[in-house]
Amino acid sequence: MRGKKQSEFARLREQAGLTLEETTALLEVSARTAYRYESGETAVSKLALKTLQAAAEKRLSAPEAPAFRFIDLFAGIGGLRLGFESIGGRCVFTSEWDPHSQKTYALNFPDNHPIGGDIREFSKDPDLVPQHDVLLAGFPCQPFSLAGVSKKNSLGRPHGFLCDTQGTLFFDTAQIIAHHRPTAFVLENVKNLESHDQGRTFATIINVLTNELGYHVQYRIISSEPWVPQKRERIFIVGFREPTAFDFKTLKIPAAQTGPKLGSILQPHDEVDAKYTLTPRLWEYLQAYRDKHLAKGNGFGFSLFGPDDVARTLSARYYKDGSEILIDQPGKRPRRLTPLECARLMGFDQGNRRFRIGVSDTQAYRQFGNAVVVPVVEFIAKSIRPHLEAAIAANTANPEPSRPARKVTRPDPAPSVYA
């Protein structure tokens, strides 16, 4: 984790999957004492550490022999991880730089490894990353998304591979692939990645994966509508080190019409806190904003939905005003989705799976808005499972000859690179 070194108390608490409040109850200490334990200001009693250790060990119990090992890069709150755990994989390494996302991730996943921070520290020395069969990465989408490009254009800033921060992080992912040569990888990004900069950005990515790294690569844009009541399109890139029979293009996707409606994820009205209902001032502003743009012939404005509808895409800006998905309340001003409803809308909290939220509403909205829809990943994971298992078995029987660690060429950050 970034910043101050994590205390032993905090590490065990996270491994046990406990919030600070739950730990306070477990140890029967005051909130102030628990906070001082957490920050390292007060020495922790042996009994308290032993109790936390026992809780962590109980939660960390896992199958002796997982079907495969995978790593979770740009992990967010673990959407890709949930999908590949569902087919028997075990996560052996996690990298996520945002401390709020780290907190949510640690609360929901039993791990015997710490959460790594900045991916660039690991791409500089890929030996810090353990061996794995599958690499998962939802590398940052802001440089390639329509919203991100529009914002950076308005500020006169570069985007895509011209961006000196997020735009180069794909290449850190590629460096880890080059070093470890996993059996397969699955990458996720926004739909607009394929068309960004007239397709040159995506062509560069595919060129690196196929020609520089030598993987057999396929990709497909998939909407979440068959699985959750949300129209959210994302591009998934699947690569295998050796040829397989997997065919992404012919994979049959369930019909969108058969998908669930919003009513399936909404909480009963009497369970929703009044704070999620828009204030009179905000509701007046959103209506005036919509009317102004309607008069100009623009389609900008809020979107109102009922229980029989399918929502627009949940975005990371949802915490600002919730305007892209407002829930109609008869006789009342509309309301935002609650964080729990967002967890359901993204498929994190579904069926028998509960997802815990230990951060503020603002951070929760940001995290779910940046996440991947879990049932979509589960569908992809299930589809590639037989091919993955066959490839891992073949690789075990006939391991790839050792080769020197390879360095991935980073494009010159000049416009001429796309000429």
Protein backbone atom coordinates (compact mmCIF):
# COMPACT_ATOMS: atom_id res chain seq x y z
CA MET A 1 0.00 0.00 0.00
CA ARG A 2 1.09 3.58 -0.51
CA GLY A 3 2.16 6.04 2.14
CA LYS A 4 2.85 5.14 5.77
CA LYS A 5 3.76 1.51 6.40
CA GLN A 6 0.72 -0.54 7.30
CA SER A 7 0.58 -1.76 10.90
CA GLU A 8 0.41 -5.46 11.72
CA PHE A 9 -2.99 -4.83 13.29
CA ALA A 10 -4.32 -3.25 10.08
CA ARG A 11 -2.88 -6.04 7.92
CA LEU A 12 -4.53 -8.76 9.97
CA ARG A 13 -7.79 -6.82 10.18
CA GLU A 14 -7.92 -6.56 6.38
CA GLN A 15 -7.05 -10.23 5.93
CA ALA A 16 -9.87 -11.07 8.33
CA GLY A 17 -12.22 -8.97 6.17
CA LEU A 18 -13.30 -6.79 9.07
CA THR A 19 -14.13 -3.10 9.20
CA LEU A 20 -12.66 -1.11 12.08
CA GLU A 21 -16.10 -1.05 13.72
CA GLU A 22 -16.44 -4.84 13.45
CA THR A 23 -12.94 -5.28 14.87
CA THR A 24 -13.86 -3.07 17.81
CA ALA A 25 -16.79 -5.39 18.61
CA LEU A 26 -14.70 -8.55 18.11
CA LEU A 27 -11.93 -7.42 20.46
CA GLU A 28 -14.30 -5.70 22.89
CA VAL A 29 -12.27 -2.48 22.92
CA SER A 30 -13.26 1.15 22.44
CA ALA A 31 -13.31 2.77 19.01
CA ARG A 32 -10.50 5.06 20.13
CA THR A 33 -8.33 2.11 21.17
CA ALA A 34 -8.98 0.31 17.88
CA TYR A 35 -8.03 3.45 15.94
CA ARG A 36 -4.78 3.77 17.89
CA TYR A 37 -4.01 0.10 17.20
CA GLU A 38 -4.72 0.69 13.51
CA SER A 39 -2.46 3.73 13.25
CA GLY A 40 0.33 2.13 15.25
CA GLU A 41 0.16 4.73 18.00
CA THR A 42 -0.47 2.09 20.68
CA ALA A 43 1.11 -1.33 21.11
CA VAL A 44 -1.40 -4.10 20.43
CA SER A 45 -1.92 -6.76 23.04
CA LYS A 46 -0.86 -10.32 22.19
CA LEU A 47 -4.42 -11.52 22.76
CA ALA A 48 -5.83 -8.99 20.27
CA LEU A 49 -3.30 -9.98 17.60
CA LYS A 50 -3.94 -13.67 18.25
CA THR A 51 -7.70 -13.12 17.89
CA LEU A 52 -7.26 -11.27 14.61
CA GLN A 53 -4.79 -13.89 13.36
CA ALA A 54 -7.36 -16.62 14.00
CA ALA A 55 -10.06 -14.67 12.18
CA ALA A 56 -7.71 -14.08 9.23
CA GLU A 57 -6.65 -17.72 9.00
CA LYS A 58 -10.26 -18.85 9.03
CA ARG A 59 -11.10 -16.51 6.17
CA LEU A 60 -7.95 -17.28 4.20
CA SER A 61 -8.68 -20.99 3.98
CA ALA A 62 -8.67 -21.88 0.30
CA PRO A 63 -8.63 -25.03 -1.86
CA GLU A 64 -5.31 -26.86 -1.75
CA ALA A 65 -4.90 -26.94 -5.51
CA PRO A 66 -6.60 -24.15 -7.48
CA ALA A 67 -7.38 -24.76 -11.14
CA PHE A 68 -5.00 -21.93 -12.05
CA ARG A 69 -3.24 -18.88 -10.62
CA PHE A 70 -3.95 -15.36 -11.80
CA ILE A 71 -2.94 -11.78 -11.08
CA ASP A 72 -5.25 -8.77 -10.87
CA LEU A 73 -3.77 -5.52 -12.27
CA PHE A 74 -5.52 -2.15 -12.06
CA ALA A 75 -7.79 -4.19 -9.85
CA GLY A 76 -10.24 -1.50 -8.78
CA ILE A 77 -12.64 -3.29 -6.46
CA GLY A 78 -12.14 -6.74 -7.95
CA GLY A 79 -14.69 -7.21 -10.73
CA LEU A 80 -12.35 -9.19 -12.98
CA ARG A 81 -11.18 -11.20 -9.99
CA LEU A 82 -14.71 -12.29 -9.07
CA GLY A 83 -15.25 -13.54 -12.60
CA PHE A 84 -12.16 -15.74 -12.63
CA GLU A 85 -12.56 -16.96 -9.07
CA SER A 86 -15.92 -18.29 -10.22
CA ILE A 87 -14.14 -20.85 -12.44
CA GLY A 88 -11.69 -22.00 -9.79
CA GLY A 89 -8.79 -19.56 -10.10
CA ARG A 90 -6.78 -18.20 -7.19
CA CYS A 91 -5.50 -14.64 -7.14
CA VAL A 92 -1.80 -14.49 -6.19
CA PHE A 93 -1.06 -10.80 -6.80
CA THR A 94 -3.06 -7.57 -6.79
CA SER A 95 -2.12 -4.07 -7.91
CA GLU A 96 -4.37 -1.04 -7.33
CA TRP A 97 -3.08 2.46 -6.66
CA ASP A 98 -6.19 4.15 -5.24
CA PRO A 99 -6.28 3.83 -1.42
CA HIS A 100 -10.10 3.97 -1.25
CA SER A 101 -10.39 1.13 -3.77
CA GLN A 102 -7.74 -0.77 -1.85
CA LYS A 103 -9.94 -0.49 1.23
CA THR A 104 -13.01 -1.90 -0.53
CA TYR A 105 -10.94 -4.63 -2.17
CA ALA A 106 -9.34 -5.71 1.12
CA LEU A 107 -12.73 -5.80 2.81
CA ASN A 108 -14.15 -8.21 0.23
CA PHE A 109 -11.28 -10.56 -0.63
CA PRO A 110 -9.39 -12.92 1.69
CA ASP A 111 -5.75 -12.61 0.67
CA ASN A 112 -2.39 -13.73 1.93
CA HIS A 113 -0.67 -11.08 -0.16
CA PRO A 114 -0.63 -7.31 0.33
CA ILE A 115 -2.21 -5.04 -2.27
CA GLY A 116 0.50 -3.54 -4.47
CA GLY A 117 0.27 0.12 -5.41
CA ASP A 118 1.68 1.83 -8.51
CA ILE A 119 2.00 -0.71 -11.33
CA ARG A 120 5.11 1.04 -12.64
CA GLU A 121 7.10 -0.19 -9.65
CA PHE A 122 6.32 -3.76 -10.70
CA SER A 123 6.88 -3.31 -14.43
CA LYS A 124 10.37 -1.98 -13.60
CA ASP A 125 11.08 -5.22 -11.76
CA PRO A 126 8.59 -7.88 -12.92
CA ASP A 127 10.22 -10.48 -10.67
CA LEU A 128 8.28 -8.80 -7.86
CA VAL A 129 5.16 -10.28 -9.47
CA PRO A 130 4.71 -14.03 -8.75
CA GLN A 131 4.38 -16.61 -11.49
CA HIS A 132 0.84 -16.95 -12.82
CA ASP A 133 -1.20 -18.65 -15.51
CA VAL A 134 -3.56 -15.77 -16.32
CA LEU A 135 -3.09 -12.01 -16.24
CA LEU A 136 -6.17 -9.84 -15.74
CA ALA A 137 -6.00 -6.08 -16.27
CA GLY A 138 -8.61 -3.36 -16.56
CA PHE A 139 -5.99 -0.79 -17.53
CA PRO A 140 -7.16 2.83 -17.10
CA CYS A 141 -9.79 3.86 -19.59
CA GLN A 142 -9.85 7.64 -19.07
CA PRO A 143 -7.36 8.43 -21.86
CA PHE A 144 -9.50 6.48 -24.34
CA SER A 145 -13.08 7.13 -23.22
CA LEU A 146 -15.29 9.66 -24.96
CA ALA A 147 -15.70 11.62 -21.74
CA GLY A 148 -12.00 11.55 -20.96
CA VAL A 149 -10.98 12.60 -24.47
CA SER A 150 -13.55 15.40 -24.53
CA LYS A 151 -12.36 16.75 -21.18
CA LYS A 152 -8.69 16.65 -22.12
CA ASN A 153 -9.35 18.24 -25.51
CA SER A 154 -11.15 21.12 -23.79
CA LEU A 155 -8.15 21.62 -21.51
CA GLY A 156 -5.65 21.37 -24.34
CA ARG A 157 -4.12 18.22 -22.86
CA PRO A 158 -2.93 15.10 -24.72
CA HIS A 159 -4.80 11.82 -24.49
CA GLY A 160 -4.34 8.19 -25.42
CA PHE A 161 -0.68 7.26 -25.89
CA LEU A 162 0.22 10.96 -25.87
CA CYS A 163 -0.73 11.13 -22.18
CA ASP A 164 2.34 10.88 -19.96
CA THR A 165 0.44 9.34 -17.05
CA GLN A 166 -2.41 6.93 -17.71
CA GLY A 167 -1.86 6.58 -21.43
CA THR A 168 1.37 4.64 -20.95
CA LEU A 169 0.10 2.22 -18.32
CA PHE A 170 -0.88 -0.32 -20.97
CA PHE A 171 2.79 -0.72 -21.67
CA ASP A 172 3.51 -1.53 -18.03
CA THR A 173 0.96 -4.33 -18.38
CA ALA A 174 2.66 -5.48 -21.56
CA GLN A 175 6.05 -5.52 -19.84
CA ILE A 176 4.74 -7.90 -17.19
CA ILE A 177 3.24 -10.13 -19.90
CA ALA A 178 6.56 -10.10 -21.75
CA HIS A 179 8.48 -11.12 -18.63
CA HIS A 180 6.18 -13.82 -17.22
CA ARG A 181 4.66 -15.16 -20.45
CA PRO A 182 1.36 -16.29 -18.83
CA THR A 183 -0.76 -18.88 -20.58
CA ALA A 184 -3.47 -16.28 -21.21
CA PHE A 185 -4.55 -12.75 -20.45
CA VAL A 186 -7.86 -10.89 -20.38
CA LEU A 187 -7.84 -7.10 -20.72
CA GLU A 188 -10.85 -4.79 -20.37
CA ASN A 189 -11.46 -1.22 -21.46
CA VAL A 190 -14.12 1.18 -22.72
CA LYS A 191 -15.81 0.60 -26.07
CA ASN A 192 -14.28 3.78 -27.48
CA LEU A 193 -10.78 2.29 -27.24
CA GLU A 194 -11.34 0.58 -30.59
CA SER A 195 -12.07 3.84 -32.44
CA HIS A 196 -9.84 6.24 -30.51
CA ASP A 197 -7.58 8.36 -32.76
CA GLN A 198 -9.16 6.82 -35.87
CA GLY A 199 -8.26 3.34 -34.67
CA ARG A 200 -4.52 4.00 -34.33
CA THR A 201 -4.47 3.58 -30.55
CA PHE A 202 -6.13 0.17 -30.73
CA ALA A 203 -3.94 -0.91 -33.63
CA THR A 204 -0.88 -0.07 -31.53
CA ILE A 205 -2.21 -2.17 -28.63
CA ILE A 206 -2.97 -5.17 -30.87
CA ASN A 207 0.42 -4.84 -32.56
CA VAL A 208 2.21 -4.99 -29.20
CA LEU A 209 0.20 -8.00 -28.04
CA THR A 210 0.47 -9.99 -31.28
CA ASN A 211 3.71 -8.98 -32.96
CA GLU A 212 5.89 -7.90 -30.04
CA LEU A 213 4.61 -10.42 -27.50
CA GLY A 214 3.55 -13.20 -29.87
CA TYR A 215 0.09 -13.91 -28.43
CA HIS A 216 -2.97 -15.10 -30.30
CA VAL A 217 -5.38 -12.24 -29.67
CA GLN A 218 -9.13 -11.79 -30.08
CA TYR A 219 -11.44 -9.05 -28.92
CA ARG A 220 -15.13 -8.26 -28.72
CA ILE A 221 -17.39 -5.48 -27.49
CA ILE A 222 -20.03 -6.85 -25.12
CA SER A 223 -23.00 -5.08 -23.56
CA SER A 224 -24.04 -5.87 -20.00
CA GLU A 225 -27.77 -5.70 -20.76
CA PRO A 226 -28.35 -9.49 -20.91
CA TRP A 227 -27.11 -9.82 -17.31
CA VAL A 228 -27.91 -6.58 -15.46
CA PRO A 229 -30.43 -3.77 -16.05
CA GLN A 230 -27.79 -1.44 -17.48
CA LYS A 231 -26.61 -0.65 -21.02
CA ARG A 232 -22.85 -0.74 -20.53
CA GLU A 233 -20.62 -1.69 -23.44
CA ARG A 234 -17.00 -2.64 -22.85
CA ILE A 235 -14.27 -4.15 -25.00
CA PHE A 236 -12.61 -7.35 -23.83
CA ILE A 237 -9.30 -8.52 -25.27
CA VAL A 238 -8.39 -12.20 -24.80
CA GLY A 239 -4.95 -13.53 -25.63
CA PHE A 240 -3.52 -17.05 -25.50
CA ARG A 241 0.20 -17.80 -25.68
CA GLU A 242 -0.44 -20.80 -27.92
CA PRO A 243 -3.20 -21.36 -30.53
CA THR A 244 -6.54 -22.56 -29.15
CA ALA A 245 -10.00 -23.33 -30.51
CA PHE A 246 -11.52 -20.41 -28.60
CA ASP A 247 -13.48 -18.16 -30.97
CA PHE A 248 -14.65 -14.91 -29.42
CA LYS A 249 -16.57 -13.76 -32.49
CA THR A 250 -18.85 -16.80 -32.64
CA LEU A 251 -19.48 -16.91 -28.89
CA LYS A 252 -23.25 -16.74 -28.44
CA ILE A 253 -24.31 -13.83 -26.24
CA PRO A 254 -27.71 -14.04 -24.49
CA ALA A 255 -30.39 -11.78 -25.96
CA ALA A 256 -30.61 -8.34 -24.34
CA GLN A 257 -34.40 -8.63 -24.25
CA THR A 258 -34.16 -11.48 -21.76
CA GLY A 259 -32.17 -9.40 -19.28
CA PRO A 260 -33.49 -8.13 -15.93
CA LYS A 261 -35.12 -4.74 -15.30
CA LEU A 262 -34.31 -2.12 -12.70
CA GLY A 263 -37.01 -3.36 -10.36
CA SER A 264 -34.85 -6.43 -9.71
CA ILE A 265 -32.09 -4.37 -8.07
CA LEU A 266 -34.02 -1.53 -6.42
CA GLN A 267 -34.52 -1.44 -2.67
CA PRO A 268 -38.05 -0.98 -1.29
CA HIS A 269 -38.92 2.72 -0.99
CA ASP A 270 -39.23 2.53 2.79
CA GLU A 271 -35.66 1.20 3.06
CA VAL A 272 -34.08 4.06 1.13
CA ASP A 273 -32.69 6.92 3.20
CA ALA A 274 -34.19 10.33 2.40
CA LYS A 275 -30.70 11.68 1.70
CA TYR A 276 -30.75 9.98 -1.71
CA THR A 277 -33.75 12.06 -2.85
CA LEU A 278 -32.63 15.13 -4.80
CA THR A 279 -32.88 18.45 -3.04
CA PRO A 280 -35.42 20.93 -4.49
CA ARG A 281 -32.58 23.16 -5.68
CA LEU A 282 -30.72 20.38 -7.50
CA TRP A 283 -33.91 19.06 -9.09
CA GLU A 284 -34.81 22.53 -10.35
CA TYR A 285 -31.29 22.97 -11.75
CA LEU A 286 -31.36 19.64 -13.61
CA GLN A 287 -34.77 20.39 -15.15
CA ALA A 288 -33.66 23.87 -16.24
CA TYR A 289 -30.43 22.45 -17.70
CA ARG A 290 -32.36 19.86 -19.70
CA ASP A 291 -34.91 22.41 -20.95
CA LYS A 292 -32.14 24.77 -22.06
CA HIS A 293 -30.50 22.08 -24.18
CA LEU A 294 -33.80 20.79 -25.54
CA ALA A 295 -34.48 24.29 -26.85
CA LYS A 296 -31.15 24.13 -28.68
CA GLY A 297 -31.91 20.72 -30.12
CA ASN A 298 -29.38 18.94 -27.91
CA GLY A 299 -30.00 15.71 -26.04
CA PHE A 300 -28.21 16.68 -22.84
CA GLY A 301 -29.99 16.29 -19.55
CA PHE A 302 -31.00 13.92 -16.80
CA SER A 303 -32.48 10.47 -17.37
CA LEU A 304 -35.43 9.24 -15.31
CA PHE A 305 -36.09 5.51 -14.88
CA GLY A 306 -38.71 3.25 -13.36
CA PRO A 307 -38.70 -0.40 -12.27
CA ASP A 308 -39.50 -1.70 -15.77
CA ASP A 309 -36.61 0.12 -17.43
CA VAL A 310 -32.97 -0.56 -18.21
CA ALA A 311 -30.56 2.15 -17.07
CA ARG A 312 -27.90 4.06 -18.91
CA THR A 313 -24.23 3.47 -18.12
CA LEU A 314 -23.27 4.18 -14.53
CA SER A 315 -20.29 6.54 -14.55
CA ALA A 316 -17.62 7.50 -12.03
CA ARG A 317 -19.15 11.00 -11.87
CA TYR A 318 -22.42 9.66 -10.50
CA TYR A 319 -21.63 11.10 -7.08
CA LYS A 320 -21.95 14.65 -8.45
CA ASP A 321 -25.67 14.76 -9.18
CA GLY A 322 -26.76 11.27 -10.26
CA SER A 323 -28.30 12.76 -13.39
CA GLU A 324 -27.57 9.83 -15.73
CA ILE A 325 -29.67 7.43 -13.63
CA LEU A 326 -32.42 9.01 -11.54
CA ILE A 327 -35.10 6.79 -10.03
CA ASP A 328 -38.67 8.03 -10.34
CA GLN A 329 -40.63 8.25 -7.09
CA PRO A 330 -44.35 8.88 -7.49
CA GLY A 331 -45.31 12.09 -5.72
CA LYS A 332 -41.71 12.92 -4.89
CA ARG A 333 -38.60 14.34 -6.44
CA PRO A 334 -36.47 11.57 -8.01
CA ARG A 335 -33.59 9.99 -6.16
CA ARG A 336 -30.14 8.62 -6.81
CA LEU A 337 -29.36 4.94 -6.68
CA THR A 338 -27.98 3.89 -3.31
CA PRO A 339 -24.48 2.36 -3.18
CA LEU A 340 -26.06 -1.05 -2.55
CA GLU A 341 -28.20 -0.64 -5.68
CA CYS A 342 -25.05 0.30 -7.60
CA ALA A 343 -23.39 -2.88 -6.33
CA ARG A 344 -26.38 -4.82 -7.64
CA LEU A 345 -26.46 -2.89 -10.92
CA MET A 346 -22.83 -3.87 -11.53
CA GLY A 347 -23.40 -7.49 -10.47
CA PHE A 348 -21.11 -7.36 -7.44
CA ASP A 349 -23.97 -8.04 -5.06
CA GLN A 350 -26.01 -10.75 -6.74
CA GLY A 351 -27.59 -14.09 -5.87
CA ASN A 352 -25.86 -15.52 -2.82
CA ARG A 353 -22.91 -13.15 -3.17
CA ARG A 354 -22.84 -10.16 -0.83
CA PHE A 355 -20.48 -7.27 -1.46
CA ARG A 356 -19.37 -5.09 1.43
CA ILE A 357 -19.04 -1.32 1.16
CA GLY A 358 -16.84 0.29 3.78
CA VAL A 359 -16.22 3.68 2.17
CA SER A 360 -18.20 6.92 1.79
CA ASP A 361 -21.03 7.17 -0.74
CA THR A 362 -18.86 9.41 -2.91
CA GLN A 363 -16.07 6.85 -3.06
CA ALA A 364 -18.53 3.98 -3.57
CA TYR A 365 -20.12 5.74 -6.56
CA ARG A 366 -16.68 6.37 -8.07
CA GLN A 367 -15.64 2.76 -7.55
CA PHE A 368 -18.74 1.17 -9.04
CA GLY A 369 -18.73 3.70 -11.90
CA ASN A 370 -15.19 2.64 -12.79
CA ALA A 371 -15.82 -1.08 -12.34
CA VAL A 372 -16.54 -3.92 -14.72
CA VAL A 373 -19.89 -5.73 -14.69
CA VAL A 374 -19.15 -8.97 -12.88
CA PRO A 375 -21.65 -11.32 -14.63
CA VAL A 376 -20.14 -10.33 -18.00
CA VAL A 377 -16.70 -11.37 -16.77
CA GLU A 378 -18.13 -14.58 -15.32
CA PHE A 379 -19.66 -15.35 -18.73
CA ILE A 380 -16.33 -14.77 -20.51
CA ALA A 381 -14.41 -16.76 -17.89
CA LYS A 382 -16.80 -19.69 -18.21
CA SER A 383 -16.51 -19.57 -21.99
CA ILE A 384 -12.73 -19.70 -22.06
CA ARG A 385 -12.40 -22.16 -19.17
CA PRO A 386 -12.07 -25.39 -21.20
CA HIS A 387 -9.55 -23.76 -23.54
CA LEU A 388 -7.62 -22.34 -20.59
CA GLU A 389 -7.52 -25.67 -18.78
CA ALA A 390 -6.33 -27.45 -21.95
CA ALA A 391 -3.66 -24.81 -22.55
CA ILE A 392 -2.38 -24.99 -18.96
CA ALA A 393 -2.24 -28.79 -19.15
CA ALA A 394 -0.33 -28.63 -22.45
CA ASN A 395 2.07 -26.04 -21.05
CA THR A 396 2.69 -28.20 -17.99
CA ALA A 397 3.49 -31.20 -20.17
CA ASN A 398 5.60 -29.17 -22.62
CA PRO A 399 6.80 -25.98 -20.93
CA GLU A 400 7.86 -23.08 -23.11
CA PRO A 401 11.66 -22.87 -23.46
CA SER A 402 13.18 -20.25 -21.20
CA ARG A 403 13.96 -16.99 -22.90
CA PRO A 404 15.51 -13.68 -21.90
CA ALA A 405 13.20 -11.12 -20.33
CA ARG A 406 11.81 -8.94 -23.12
CA LYS A 407 11.38 -5.19 -23.08
CA VAL A 408 8.33 -3.69 -24.74
CA THR A 409 8.95 -0.70 -26.98
CA ARG A 410 7.10 2.40 -25.83
CA PRO A 411 5.94 4.58 -28.72
CA ASP A 412 7.57 7.98 -29.04
CA PRO A 413 5.06 10.41 -27.51
CA ALA A 414 5.04 12.47 -30.66
CA PRO A 415 2.06 12.75 -33.02
CA SER A 416 4.21 11.29 -35.82
CA VAL A 417 3.95 7.87 -34.19
CA TYR A 418 0.42 7.62 -35.62
CA ALA A 419 1.25 8.95 -39.05
